[in-house]
Amino acid sequence: MLRSVAVIALPDVAVFELGVLCELFGYDRTAEGLPGHRFSVCSPDGGPVRTHAGFSIAPERDLAPVEDADLVAVVPFDTGEDPPEEVLAALRRAHDRGAWVMSVCTGAFALGAAGLLDGRRCTTHWRHTDRLAEKYPAAKVDPGVLYVADGNVLTGAGTAASVDAGLHVIRQEHGSAVATQLARRMVVPPHRDGGQAQYIETPVSAPECATLQPVLTQVLETLDRPHTVESMADLAHMAPRTFARKFRAETGVTPHDWLTSQRVLLARRLLEDTGLGVDAIADRSGFGSAATLRHHFAHRLSTTPQAYRGTFRSHAR
């Protein structure tokens, strides 16, 4: 049972994510029948910590509450330097005794520095997933999810995903009914469909290639037409095998993966900016059928075209 929560605040602490954890675990709602938690915001020396918004907070607690907390959370901080060793050691001890160890957004870099992401699936804000993977190559970074729970280590994606990650802990510890009641109280969905892949801004454009640029540009301009490795190889005046090797060398992906990604991106734009039906969008983006479009949306974005449109449809005309 989750009884105590300790949140570690480090320099340049992000106010929103800290506020989310305070709202989830530090607000006394026992009068409403919800469970209460012993809640502490801590800093390494128990003194004030500056925020990214230009003011300071005064936690008034050092790391002592971390030693027996059932959940230890790290909020985003200045990731230019690793946290002090006493923070990393406290995180390792919390993990070793079986407490939940949680990060939200770039707080994952603290868990990485403590060695807690080695061999584990994890995530952070999509803008920082590449850097997290580069800095901690033993971590299995997943850029497309809202949160990941691997054992007792929980990592959340960017900003508002701290709500999703926190509700996951509450659902695991207190049950779905409590998580749903708390979500309703906070006026948020108890569970969001899809992952953060649907929020990543990726323009439909051809990568800069030494020799294949004209082919990629032509394919992008005709995504509604059938394209195969063979047809693209013909455009490049190459044998299909030679083309496939050259394509991977210049783009880092296979022709099929690149083509599917570009079609998904075009479908996303059409869902956001037009009133076309799913069948018409499937046709324009080259998928041919709504069923195929749904399949690739589910595989790449973990959501459906209809749900994506409901979230991102622009009302501008």
C-alpha atoms as a PDB file:
ATOM      1  CA  MET A   1       0.000   0.000   0.000  1.00  0.00           C
ATOM      2  CA  LEU A   2       1.258   3.467  -0.896  1.00  0.00           C
ATOM      3  CA  ARG A   3       1.492   5.494   2.304  1.00  0.00           C
ATOM      4  CA  SER A   4       4.395   7.901   1.876  1.00  0.00           C
ATOM      5  CA  VAL A   5       5.764   9.890  -1.076  1.00  0.00           C
ATOM      6  CA  ALA A   6       9.008  11.855  -1.310  1.00  0.00           C
ATOM      7  CA  VAL A   7       9.656  14.168  -4.262  1.00  0.00           C
ATOM      8  CA  ILE A   8      13.245  15.252  -4.920  1.00  0.00           C
ATOM      9  CA  ALA A   9      13.579  18.806  -6.230  1.00  0.00           C
ATOM     10  CA  LEU A  10      16.867  19.722  -7.924  1.00  0.00           C
ATOM     11  CA  PRO A  11      18.063  23.060  -9.388  1.00  0.00           C
ATOM     12  CA  ASP A  12      15.883  24.408 -12.217  1.00  0.00           C
ATOM     13  CA  VAL A  13      13.024  22.234 -11.027  1.00  0.00           C
ATOM     14  CA  ALA A  14      10.021  22.327 -13.385  1.00  0.00           C
ATOM     15  CA  VAL A  15       7.014  23.868 -11.685  1.00  0.00           C
ATOM     16  CA  PHE A  16       4.242  22.103 -13.612  1.00  0.00           C
ATOM     17  CA  GLU A  17       5.498  18.578 -13.008  1.00  0.00           C
ATOM     18  CA  LEU A  18       6.185  19.353  -9.341  1.00  0.00           C
ATOM     19  CA  GLY A  19       2.666  20.727  -9.046  1.00  0.00           C
ATOM     20  CA  VAL A  20       1.192  17.593 -10.621  1.00  0.00           C
ATOM     21  CA  LEU A  21       2.869  15.365  -8.036  1.00  0.00           C
ATOM     22  CA  CYS A  22       1.716  17.677  -5.250  1.00  0.00           C
ATOM     23  CA  GLU A  23      -1.830  17.475  -6.617  1.00  0.00           C
ATOM     24  CA  LEU A  24      -1.768  13.698  -7.015  1.00  0.00           C
ATOM     25  CA  PHE A  25      -0.113  12.746  -3.737  1.00  0.00           C
ATOM     26  CA  GLY A  26       0.142  15.796  -1.482  1.00  0.00           C
ATOM     27  CA  TYR A  27      -3.438  17.055  -1.443  1.00  0.00           C
ATOM     28  CA  ASP A  28      -5.456  15.774   1.491  1.00  0.00           C
ATOM     29  CA  ARG A  29      -8.664  14.293   0.065  1.00  0.00           C
ATOM     30  CA  THR A  30      -9.370  11.817   2.843  1.00  0.00           C
ATOM     31  CA  ALA A  31     -12.630  13.634   3.599  1.00  0.00           C
ATOM     32  CA  GLU A  32     -13.762  12.569   0.111  1.00  0.00           C
ATOM     33  CA  GLY A  33     -12.932   8.940   0.812  1.00  0.00           C
ATOM     34  CA  LEU A  34      -9.637   8.964  -1.088  1.00  0.00           C
ATOM     35  CA  PRO A  35      -6.443   7.612   0.484  1.00  0.00           C
ATOM     36  CA  GLY A  36      -4.001  10.039   2.065  1.00  0.00           C
ATOM     37  CA  HIS A  37      -0.223  10.037   1.780  1.00  0.00           C
ATOM     38  CA  ARG A  38       2.567  11.341   3.954  1.00  0.00           C
ATOM     39  CA  PHE A  39       4.066  13.749   1.445  1.00  0.00           C
ATOM     40  CA  SER A  40       7.439  15.527   1.400  1.00  0.00           C
ATOM     41  CA  VAL A  41       9.223  17.745  -1.097  1.00  0.00           C
ATOM     42  CA  CYS A  42      12.959  17.358  -0.519  1.00  0.00           C
ATOM     43  CA  SER A  43      16.172  18.989  -1.644  1.00  0.00           C
ATOM     44  CA  PRO A  44      19.705  17.615  -1.132  1.00  0.00           C
ATOM     45  CA  ASP A  45      20.449  20.025   1.726  1.00  0.00           C
ATOM     46  CA  GLY A  46      16.909  20.854   2.809  1.00  0.00           C
ATOM     47  CA  GLY A  47      17.314  24.400   1.525  1.00  0.00           C
ATOM     48  CA  PRO A  48      15.677  26.497  -1.216  1.00  0.00           C
ATOM     49  CA  VAL A  49      15.777  25.361  -4.836  1.00  0.00           C
ATOM     50  CA  ARG A  50      15.425  27.639  -7.839  1.00  0.00           C
ATOM     51  CA  THR A  51      12.787  26.812 -10.424  1.00  0.00           C
ATOM     52  CA  HIS A  52      12.963  27.071 -14.188  1.00  0.00           C
ATOM     53  CA  ALA A  53      10.433  29.911 -13.969  1.00  0.00           C
ATOM     54  CA  GLY A  54      12.759  32.272 -12.135  1.00  0.00           C
ATOM     55  CA  PHE A  55      11.597  31.947  -8.526  1.00  0.00           C
ATOM     56  CA  SER A  56      12.640  29.637  -5.716  1.00  0.00           C
ATOM     57  CA  ILE A  57      10.817  27.104  -3.556  1.00  0.00           C
ATOM     58  CA  ALA A  58      11.713  26.179   0.011  1.00  0.00           C
ATOM     59  CA  PRO A  59      11.224  22.413   0.545  1.00  0.00           C
ATOM     60  CA  GLU A  60      12.457  22.591   4.189  1.00  0.00           C
ATOM     61  CA  ARG A  61      13.255  18.847   4.111  1.00  0.00           C
ATOM     62  CA  ASP A  62      16.528  17.155   3.222  1.00  0.00           C
ATOM     63  CA  LEU A  63      16.731  13.630   1.805  1.00  0.00           C
ATOM     64  CA  ALA A  64      15.721  11.925   5.058  1.00  0.00           C
ATOM     65  CA  PRO A  65      12.085  11.249   3.931  1.00  0.00           C
ATOM     66  CA  VAL A  66      13.461   9.416   0.888  1.00  0.00           C
ATOM     67  CA  GLU A  67      14.855   6.665   3.107  1.00  0.00           C
ATOM     68  CA  ASP A  68      11.473   5.179   4.017  1.00  0.00           C
ATOM     69  CA  ALA A  69       9.137   6.531   1.311  1.00  0.00           C
ATOM     70  CA  ASP A  70       7.011   4.066  -0.634  1.00  0.00           C
ATOM     71  CA  LEU A  71       7.378   6.256  -3.721  1.00  0.00           C
ATOM     72  CA  VAL A  72      10.394   8.412  -4.545  1.00  0.00           C
ATOM     73  CA  ALA A  73       9.931  10.771  -7.494  1.00  0.00           C
ATOM     74  CA  VAL A  74      12.326  13.047  -9.377  1.00  0.00           C
ATOM     75  CA  VAL A  75      10.937  15.986 -11.315  1.00  0.00           C
ATOM     76  CA  PRO A  76      12.669  17.697 -14.291  1.00  0.00           C
ATOM     77  CA  PHE A  77      15.837  19.589 -13.436  1.00  0.00           C
ATOM     78  CA  ASP A  78      18.916  21.146 -15.035  1.00  0.00           C
ATOM     79  CA  THR A  79      20.292  18.092 -16.817  1.00  0.00           C
ATOM     80  CA  GLY A  80      23.568  19.803 -17.708  1.00  0.00           C
ATOM     81  CA  GLU A  81      25.123  18.124 -14.677  1.00  0.00           C
ATOM     82  CA  ASP A  82      24.362  14.891 -12.860  1.00  0.00           C
ATOM     83  CA  PRO A  83      22.625  15.215  -9.464  1.00  0.00           C
ATOM     84  CA  PRO A  84      24.829  15.051  -6.364  1.00  0.00           C
ATOM     85  CA  GLU A  85      26.047  11.597  -5.375  1.00  0.00           C
ATOM     86  CA  GLU A  86      23.944  11.637  -2.204  1.00  0.00           C
ATOM     87  CA  VAL A  87      20.823  11.914  -4.372  1.00  0.00           C
ATOM     88  CA  LEU A  88      21.921   9.062  -6.649  1.00  0.00           C
ATOM     89  CA  ALA A  89      22.770   6.872  -3.661  1.00  0.00           C
ATOM     90  CA  ALA A  90      19.370   7.587  -2.086  1.00  0.00           C
ATOM     91  CA  LEU A  91      17.630   6.606  -5.330  1.00  0.00           C
ATOM     92  CA  ARG A  92      19.578   3.344  -5.479  1.00  0.00           C
ATOM     93  CA  ARG A  93      18.705   2.518  -1.867  1.00  0.00           C
ATOM     94  CA  ALA A  94      15.028   3.225  -2.506  1.00  0.00           C
ATOM     95  CA  HIS A  95      15.074   0.924  -5.503  1.00  0.00           C
ATOM     96  CA  ASP A  96      16.927  -1.828  -3.655  1.00  0.00           C
ATOM     97  CA  ARG A  97      14.375  -1.917  -0.835  1.00  0.00           C
ATOM     98  CA  GLY A  98      11.511  -2.210  -3.323  1.00  0.00           C
ATOM     99  CA  ALA A  99      10.043   1.302  -3.273  1.00  0.00           C
ATOM    100  CA  TRP A 100       8.603   2.819  -6.421  1.00  0.00           C
ATOM    101  CA  VAL A 101      11.268   5.018  -8.045  1.00  0.00           C
ATOM    102  CA  MET A 102       9.639   7.421 -10.478  1.00  0.00           C
ATOM    103  CA  SER A 103      10.779  10.147 -12.847  1.00  0.00           C
ATOM    104  CA  VAL A 104       8.718  12.552 -14.892  1.00  0.00           C
ATOM    105  CA  CYS A 105       9.991  14.193 -18.067  1.00  0.00           C
ATOM    106  CA  THR A 106      13.767  14.809 -17.859  1.00  0.00           C
ATOM    107  CA  GLY A 107      13.876  13.518 -14.299  1.00  0.00           C
ATOM    108  CA  ALA A 108      14.781  10.267 -16.079  1.00  0.00           C
ATOM    109  CA  PHE A 109      18.342  11.574 -16.399  1.00  0.00           C
ATOM    110  CA  ALA A 110      18.709  11.323 -12.613  1.00  0.00           C
ATOM    111  CA  LEU A 111      17.590   7.681 -12.710  1.00  0.00           C
ATOM    112  CA  GLY A 112      20.032   7.070 -15.538  1.00  0.00           C
ATOM    113  CA  ALA A 113      22.887   8.617 -13.570  1.00  0.00           C
ATOM    114  CA  ALA A 114      21.986   6.342 -10.656  1.00  0.00           C
ATOM    115  CA  GLY A 115      22.245   3.309 -12.949  1.00  0.00           C
ATOM    116  CA  LEU A 116      18.573   2.440 -12.508  1.00  0.00           C
ATOM    117  CA  LEU A 117      17.762   2.506 -16.225  1.00  0.00           C
ATOM    118  CA  ASP A 118      20.382  -0.031 -17.276  1.00  0.00           C
ATOM    119  CA  GLY A 119      18.661  -2.903 -19.047  1.00  0.00           C
ATOM    120  CA  ARG A 120      15.218  -1.366 -18.467  1.00  0.00           C
ATOM    121  CA  ARG A 121      12.581   0.082 -20.760  1.00  0.00           C
ATOM    122  CA  CYS A 122      12.167   3.765 -20.017  1.00  0.00           C
ATOM    123  CA  THR A 123      11.096   7.058 -21.544  1.00  0.00           C
ATOM    124  CA  THR A 124      11.326  10.806 -21.211  1.00  0.00           C
ATOM    125  CA  HIS A 125      10.038  13.816 -23.173  1.00  0.00           C
ATOM    126  CA  TRP A 126      10.271  12.994 -26.876  1.00  0.00           C
ATOM    127  CA  ARG A 127      12.625  15.932 -27.440  1.00  0.00           C
ATOM    128  CA  HIS A 128      15.177  14.319 -25.116  1.00  0.00           C
ATOM    129  CA  THR A 129      14.848  10.587 -25.859  1.00  0.00           C
ATOM    130  CA  ASP A 130      17.800  10.545 -28.256  1.00  0.00           C
ATOM    131  CA  ARG A 131      20.028  12.280 -25.706  1.00  0.00           C
ATOM    132  CA  LEU A 132      18.908   9.912 -22.942  1.00  0.00           C
ATOM    133  CA  ALA A 133      19.709   6.899 -25.131  1.00  0.00           C
ATOM    134  CA  GLU A 134      23.084   8.353 -26.094  1.00  0.00           C
ATOM    135  CA  LYS A 135      24.058   9.183 -22.516  1.00  0.00           C
ATOM    136  CA  TYR A 136      22.838   5.865 -21.074  1.00  0.00           C
ATOM    137  CA  PRO A 137      23.292   3.282 -23.864  1.00  0.00           C
ATOM    138  CA  ALA A 138      22.327   0.385 -21.581  1.00  0.00           C
ATOM    139  CA  ALA A 139      18.832   1.877 -21.176  1.00  0.00           C
ATOM    140  CA  LYS A 140      16.050   0.723 -23.508  1.00  0.00           C
ATOM    141  CA  VAL A 141      14.554   4.099 -24.364  1.00  0.00           C
ATOM    142  CA  ASP A 142      11.060   4.056 -25.867  1.00  0.00           C
ATOM    143  CA  PRO A 143      10.203   7.460 -27.371  1.00  0.00           C
ATOM    144  CA  GLY A 144       6.598   6.610 -28.228  1.00  0.00           C
ATOM    145  CA  VAL A 145       4.937   5.972 -24.853  1.00  0.00           C
ATOM    146  CA  LEU A 146       3.410   8.185 -22.170  1.00  0.00           C
ATOM    147  CA  TYR A 147       5.045   6.216 -19.373  1.00  0.00           C
ATOM    148  CA  VAL A 148       6.852   2.938 -18.755  1.00  0.00           C
ATOM    149  CA  ALA A 149       6.773   0.791 -15.640  1.00  0.00           C
ATOM    150  CA  ASP A 150       9.628  -1.734 -15.601  1.00  0.00           C
ATOM    151  CA  GLY A 151       9.638  -3.462 -12.258  1.00  0.00           C
ATOM    152  CA  ASN A 152       9.523  -0.789  -9.565  1.00  0.00           C
ATOM    153  CA  VAL A 153      11.066   1.850 -11.869  1.00  0.00           C
ATOM    154  CA  LEU A 154       8.536   4.158 -13.522  1.00  0.00           C
ATOM    155  CA  THR A 155       9.481   6.807 -16.087  1.00  0.00           C
ATOM    156  CA  GLY A 156       7.049   9.324 -17.532  1.00  0.00           C
ATOM    157  CA  ALA A 157       7.204  11.268 -20.779  1.00  0.00           C
ATOM    158  CA  GLY A 158       6.938  15.032 -21.160  1.00  0.00           C
ATOM    159  CA  THR A 159       4.997  17.483 -19.003  1.00  0.00           C
ATOM    160  CA  ALA A 160       1.340  16.372 -18.855  1.00  0.00           C
ATOM    161  CA  ALA A 161       2.384  12.707 -19.024  1.00  0.00           C
ATOM    162  CA  SER A 162       3.302  13.129 -15.349  1.00  0.00           C
ATOM    163  CA  VAL A 163      -0.461  12.906 -14.717  1.00  0.00           C
ATOM    164  CA  ASP A 164      -0.653   9.596 -16.600  1.00  0.00           C
ATOM    165  CA  ALA A 165       2.366   8.169 -14.786  1.00  0.00           C
ATOM    166  CA  GLY A 166       1.099   9.247 -11.369  1.00  0.00           C
ATOM    167  CA  LEU A 167      -2.353   7.796 -11.988  1.00  0.00           C
ATOM    168  CA  HIS A 168      -0.690   4.537 -13.013  1.00  0.00           C
ATOM    169  CA  VAL A 169       0.983   4.283  -9.600  1.00  0.00           C
ATOM    170  CA  ILE A 170      -2.309   5.055  -7.857  1.00  0.00           C
ATOM    171  CA  ARG A 171      -4.113   2.480  -9.995  1.00  0.00           C
ATOM    172  CA  GLN A 172      -1.511  -0.147  -9.088  1.00  0.00           C
ATOM    173  CA  GLU A 173      -1.459   0.669  -5.368  1.00  0.00           C
ATOM    174  CA  HIS A 174      -5.043   1.714  -4.625  1.00  0.00           C
ATOM    175  CA  GLY A 175      -7.068   0.207  -7.473  1.00  0.00           C
ATOM    176  CA  SER A 176      -8.828   1.492 -10.579  1.00  0.00           C
ATOM    177  CA  ALA A 177     -11.806   2.925  -8.703  1.00  0.00           C
ATOM    178  CA  VAL A 178      -9.580   5.259  -6.667  1.00  0.00           C
ATOM    179  CA  ALA A 179      -7.575   6.297  -9.745  1.00  0.00           C
ATOM    180  CA  THR A 180     -10.782   7.037 -11.660  1.00  0.00           C
ATOM    181  CA  GLN A 181     -12.255   9.035  -8.773  1.00  0.00           C
ATOM    182  CA  LEU A 182      -9.073  11.075  -8.424  1.00  0.00           C
ATOM    183  CA  ALA A 183      -8.884  11.669 -12.175  1.00  0.00           C
ATOM    184  CA  ARG A 184     -12.470  12.908 -12.151  1.00  0.00           C
ATOM    185  CA  ARG A 185     -11.615  15.209  -9.248  1.00  0.00           C
ATOM    186  CA  MET A 186      -8.660  16.601 -11.239  1.00  0.00           C
ATOM    187  CA  VAL A 187     -10.792  16.894 -14.417  1.00  0.00           C
ATOM    188  CA  VAL A 188      -8.476  14.653 -16.446  1.00  0.00           C
ATOM    189  CA  PRO A 189      -9.087  11.324 -18.191  1.00  0.00           C
ATOM    190  CA  PRO A 190      -8.226   8.313 -16.013  1.00  0.00           C
ATOM    191  CA  HIS A 191      -6.378   6.823 -18.961  1.00  0.00           C
ATOM    192  CA  ARG A 192      -5.303   8.424 -22.241  1.00  0.00           C
ATOM    193  CA  ASP A 193      -5.279   6.472 -25.476  1.00  0.00           C
ATOM    194  CA  GLY A 194      -2.065   6.218 -27.436  1.00  0.00           C
ATOM    195  CA  GLY A 195       1.416   7.362 -26.550  1.00  0.00           C
ATOM    196  CA  GLN A 196       3.542  10.446 -26.982  1.00  0.00           C
ATOM    197  CA  ALA A 197       4.443   9.355 -30.529  1.00  0.00           C
ATOM    198  CA  GLN A 198       1.248  11.084 -31.660  1.00  0.00           C
ATOM    199  CA  TYR A 199       2.548  14.382 -30.201  1.00  0.00           C
ATOM    200  CA  ILE A 200       5.917  14.338 -31.935  1.00  0.00           C
ATOM    201  CA  GLU A 201       6.104  17.028 -34.578  1.00  0.00           C
ATOM    202  CA  THR A 202       7.723  15.475 -37.660  1.00  0.00           C
ATOM    203  CA  PRO A 203       7.415  17.295 -40.983  1.00  0.00           C
ATOM    204  CA  VAL A 204       6.716  15.426 -44.209  1.00  0.00           C
ATOM    205  CA  SER A 205       9.972  16.006 -46.015  1.00  0.00           C
ATOM    206  CA  ALA A 206      12.691  14.101 -47.778  1.00  0.00           C
ATOM    207  CA  PRO A 207      15.936  13.614 -45.856  1.00  0.00           C
ATOM    208  CA  GLU A 208      19.056  15.127 -47.341  1.00  0.00           C
ATOM    209  CA  CYS A 209      20.580  12.332 -49.420  1.00  0.00           C
ATOM    210  CA  ALA A 210      23.675  12.368 -51.568  1.00  0.00           C
ATOM    211  CA  THR A 211      22.214  10.597 -54.599  1.00  0.00           C
ATOM    212  CA  LEU A 212      18.579   9.647 -53.897  1.00  0.00           C
ATOM    213  CA  GLN A 213      17.147  13.102 -53.200  1.00  0.00           C
ATOM    214  CA  PRO A 214      15.277  13.433 -56.548  1.00  0.00           C
ATOM    215  CA  VAL A 215      13.654  10.014 -56.061  1.00  0.00           C
ATOM    216  CA  LEU A 216      12.509  10.766 -52.512  1.00  0.00           C
ATOM    217  CA  THR A 217      11.132  14.134 -53.540  1.00  0.00           C
ATOM    218  CA  GLN A 218       9.179  12.567 -56.406  1.00  0.00           C
ATOM    219  CA  VAL A 219       7.757   9.858 -54.137  1.00  0.00           C
ATOM    220  CA  LEU A 220       6.680  12.437 -51.547  1.00  0.00           C
ATOM    221  CA  GLU A 221       4.827  14.341 -54.237  1.00  0.00           C
ATOM    222  CA  THR A 222       2.960  11.188 -55.298  1.00  0.00           C
ATOM    223  CA  LEU A 223       2.271   9.343 -52.040  1.00  0.00           C
ATOM    224  CA  ASP A 224      -1.245   8.532 -53.267  1.00  0.00           C
ATOM    225  CA  ARG A 225       0.206   6.309 -55.981  1.00  0.00           C
ATOM    226  CA  PRO A 226       1.516   2.759 -55.554  1.00  0.00           C
ATOM    227  CA  HIS A 227       5.215   2.674 -54.711  1.00  0.00           C
ATOM    228  CA  THR A 228       7.423  -0.335 -54.137  1.00  0.00           C
ATOM    229  CA  VAL A 229      11.142  -0.924 -53.777  1.00  0.00           C
ATOM    230  CA  GLU A 230      11.156  -1.993 -57.404  1.00  0.00           C
ATOM    231  CA  SER A 231       9.337   1.106 -58.673  1.00  0.00           C
ATOM    232  CA  MET A 232      11.545   3.440 -56.629  1.00  0.00           C
ATOM    233  CA  ALA A 233      14.637   1.576 -57.859  1.00  0.00           C
ATOM    234  CA  ASP A 234      13.457   2.160 -61.436  1.00  0.00           C
ATOM    235  CA  LEU A 235      13.232   5.892 -60.726  1.00  0.00           C
ATOM    236  CA  ALA A 236      16.834   5.782 -59.479  1.00  0.00           C
ATOM    237  CA  HIS A 237      17.941   3.616 -62.428  1.00  0.00           C
ATOM    238  CA  MET A 238      19.239   0.972 -60.029  1.00  0.00           C
ATOM    239  CA  ALA A 239      18.679  -2.695 -59.405  1.00  0.00           C
ATOM    240  CA  PRO A 240      16.273  -3.191 -56.470  1.00  0.00           C
ATOM    241  CA  ARG A 241      18.931  -4.772 -54.214  1.00  0.00           C
ATOM    242  CA  THR A 242      21.436  -2.026 -54.960  1.00  0.00           C
ATOM    243  CA  PHE A 243      18.770   0.600 -54.372  1.00  0.00           C
ATOM    244  CA  ALA A 244      17.716  -0.920 -51.040  1.00  0.00           C
ATOM    245  CA  ARG A 245      21.338  -0.986 -49.793  1.00  0.00           C
ATOM    246  CA  LYS A 246      21.942   2.576 -50.979  1.00  0.00           C
ATOM    247  CA  PHE A 247      18.670   3.763 -49.443  1.00  0.00           C
ATOM    248  CA  ARG A 248      19.487   2.347 -46.009  1.00  0.00           C
ATOM    249  CA  ALA A 249      23.020   3.738 -46.159  1.00  0.00           C
ATOM    250  CA  GLU A 250      21.776   7.254 -46.945  1.00  0.00           C
ATOM    251  CA  THR A 251      18.610   7.409 -44.790  1.00  0.00           C
ATOM    252  CA  GLY A 252      19.220   4.889 -42.013  1.00  0.00           C
ATOM    253  CA  VAL A 253      15.943   3.034 -42.675  1.00  0.00           C
ATOM    254  CA  THR A 254      14.550   0.632 -45.258  1.00  0.00           C
ATOM    255  CA  PRO A 255      12.557   1.966 -48.244  1.00  0.00           C
ATOM    256  CA  HIS A 256       9.380   0.303 -46.931  1.00  0.00           C
ATOM    257  CA  ASP A 257       9.748   1.785 -43.439  1.00  0.00           C
ATOM    258  CA  TRP A 258      10.430   5.261 -44.822  1.00  0.00           C
ATOM    259  CA  LEU A 259       7.488   5.078 -47.223  1.00  0.00           C
ATOM    260  CA  THR A 260       5.108   3.909 -44.481  1.00  0.00           C
ATOM    261  CA  SER A 261       6.320   6.643 -42.129  1.00  0.00           C
ATOM    262  CA  GLN A 262       5.747   9.335 -44.746  1.00  0.00           C
ATOM    263  CA  ARG A 263       2.250   8.025 -45.466  1.00  0.00           C
ATOM    264  CA  VAL A 264       1.387   8.053 -41.765  1.00  0.00           C
ATOM    265  CA  LEU A 265       2.674  11.623 -41.497  1.00  0.00           C
ATOM    266  CA  LEU A 266       0.573  12.732 -44.467  1.00  0.00           C
ATOM    267  CA  ALA A 267      -2.486  11.030 -42.986  1.00  0.00           C
ATOM    268  CA  ARG A 268      -1.859  12.869 -39.700  1.00  0.00           C
ATOM    269  CA  ARG A 269      -1.819  16.220 -41.508  1.00  0.00           C
ATOM    270  CA  LEU A 270      -5.024  15.407 -43.368  1.00  0.00           C
ATOM    271  CA  LEU A 271      -6.747  14.333 -40.149  1.00  0.00           C
ATOM    272  CA  GLU A 272      -5.642  17.554 -38.454  1.00  0.00           C
ATOM    273  CA  ASP A 273      -6.339  20.039 -41.234  1.00  0.00           C
ATOM    274  CA  THR A 274      -9.187  18.671 -43.373  1.00  0.00           C
ATOM    275  CA  GLY A 275     -12.657  17.263 -42.972  1.00  0.00           C
ATOM    276  CA  LEU A 276     -11.976  14.312 -45.263  1.00  0.00           C
ATOM    277  CA  GLY A 277     -13.304  10.934 -44.195  1.00  0.00           C
ATOM    278  CA  VAL A 278     -10.940   8.158 -43.167  1.00  0.00           C
ATOM    279  CA  ASP A 279     -11.476   6.298 -46.451  1.00  0.00           C
ATOM    280  CA  ALA A 280     -10.531   9.383 -48.494  1.00  0.00           C
ATOM    281  CA  ILE A 281      -7.495  10.025 -46.302  1.00  0.00           C
ATOM    282  CA  ALA A 282      -6.397   6.409 -46.677  1.00  0.00           C
ATOM    283  CA  ASP A 283      -6.638   6.828 -50.449  1.00  0.00           C
ATOM    284  CA  ARG A 284      -4.769  10.152 -50.550  1.00  0.00           C
ATOM    285  CA  SER A 285      -1.981   8.917 -48.328  1.00  0.00           C
ATOM    286  CA  GLY A 286      -1.491   5.757 -50.360  1.00  0.00           C
ATOM    287  CA  PHE A 287      -2.753   3.177 -47.857  1.00  0.00           C
ATOM    288  CA  GLY A 288      -5.603   2.173 -50.134  1.00  0.00           C
ATOM    289  CA  SER A 289      -8.076   1.249 -47.415  1.00  0.00           C
ATOM    290  CA  ALA A 290      -9.194   2.535 -44.039  1.00  0.00           C
ATOM    291  CA  ALA A 291      -8.318  -0.843 -42.500  1.00  0.00           C
ATOM    292  CA  THR A 292      -4.695  -0.540 -43.610  1.00  0.00           C
ATOM    293  CA  LEU A 293      -4.531   3.048 -42.332  1.00  0.00           C
ATOM    294  CA  ARG A 294      -5.899   1.968 -38.951  1.00  0.00           C
ATOM    295  CA  HIS A 295      -3.387  -0.864 -38.779  1.00  0.00           C
ATOM    296  CA  HIS A 296      -0.414   1.456 -39.281  1.00  0.00           C
ATOM    297  CA  PHE A 297      -1.800   4.089 -36.888  1.00  0.00           C
ATOM    298  CA  ALA A 298      -2.160   1.436 -34.205  1.00  0.00           C
ATOM    299  CA  HIS A 299       1.346   0.115 -34.834  1.00  0.00           C
ATOM    300  CA  ARG A 300       3.149   3.472 -34.981  1.00  0.00           C
ATOM    301  CA  LEU A 301       1.054   5.800 -32.821  1.00  0.00           C
ATOM    302  CA  SER A 302      -0.838   3.381 -30.547  1.00  0.00           C
ATOM    303  CA  THR A 303      -4.118   5.102 -31.374  1.00  0.00           C
ATOM    304  CA  THR A 304      -6.794   5.205 -34.071  1.00  0.00           C
ATOM    305  CA  PRO A 305      -7.282   7.807 -36.831  1.00  0.00           C
ATOM    306  CA  GLN A 306     -10.586   8.862 -35.245  1.00  0.00           C
ATOM    307  CA  ALA A 307      -9.046   9.303 -31.788  1.00  0.00           C
ATOM    308  CA  TYR A 308      -6.105  11.200 -33.283  1.00  0.00           C
ATOM    309  CA  ARG A 309      -8.434  13.556 -35.126  1.00  0.00           C
ATOM    310  CA  GLY A 310     -10.450  14.129 -31.964  1.00  0.00           C
ATOM    311  CA  THR A 311      -7.308  15.246 -30.169  1.00  0.00           C
ATOM    312  CA  PHE A 312      -5.558  17.271 -32.870  1.00  0.00           C
ATOM    313  CA  ARG A 313      -8.175  18.448 -35.375  1.00  0.00           C
ATOM    314  CA  SER A 314      -7.699  22.137 -36.110  1.00  0.00           C
ATOM    315  CA  HIS A 315     -10.866  24.201 -36.045  1.00  0.00           C
ATOM    316  CA  ALA A 316      -9.268  26.952 -38.110  1.00  0.00           C
ATOM    317  CA  ARG A 317     -10.639  27.362 -41.593  1.00  0.00           C
END
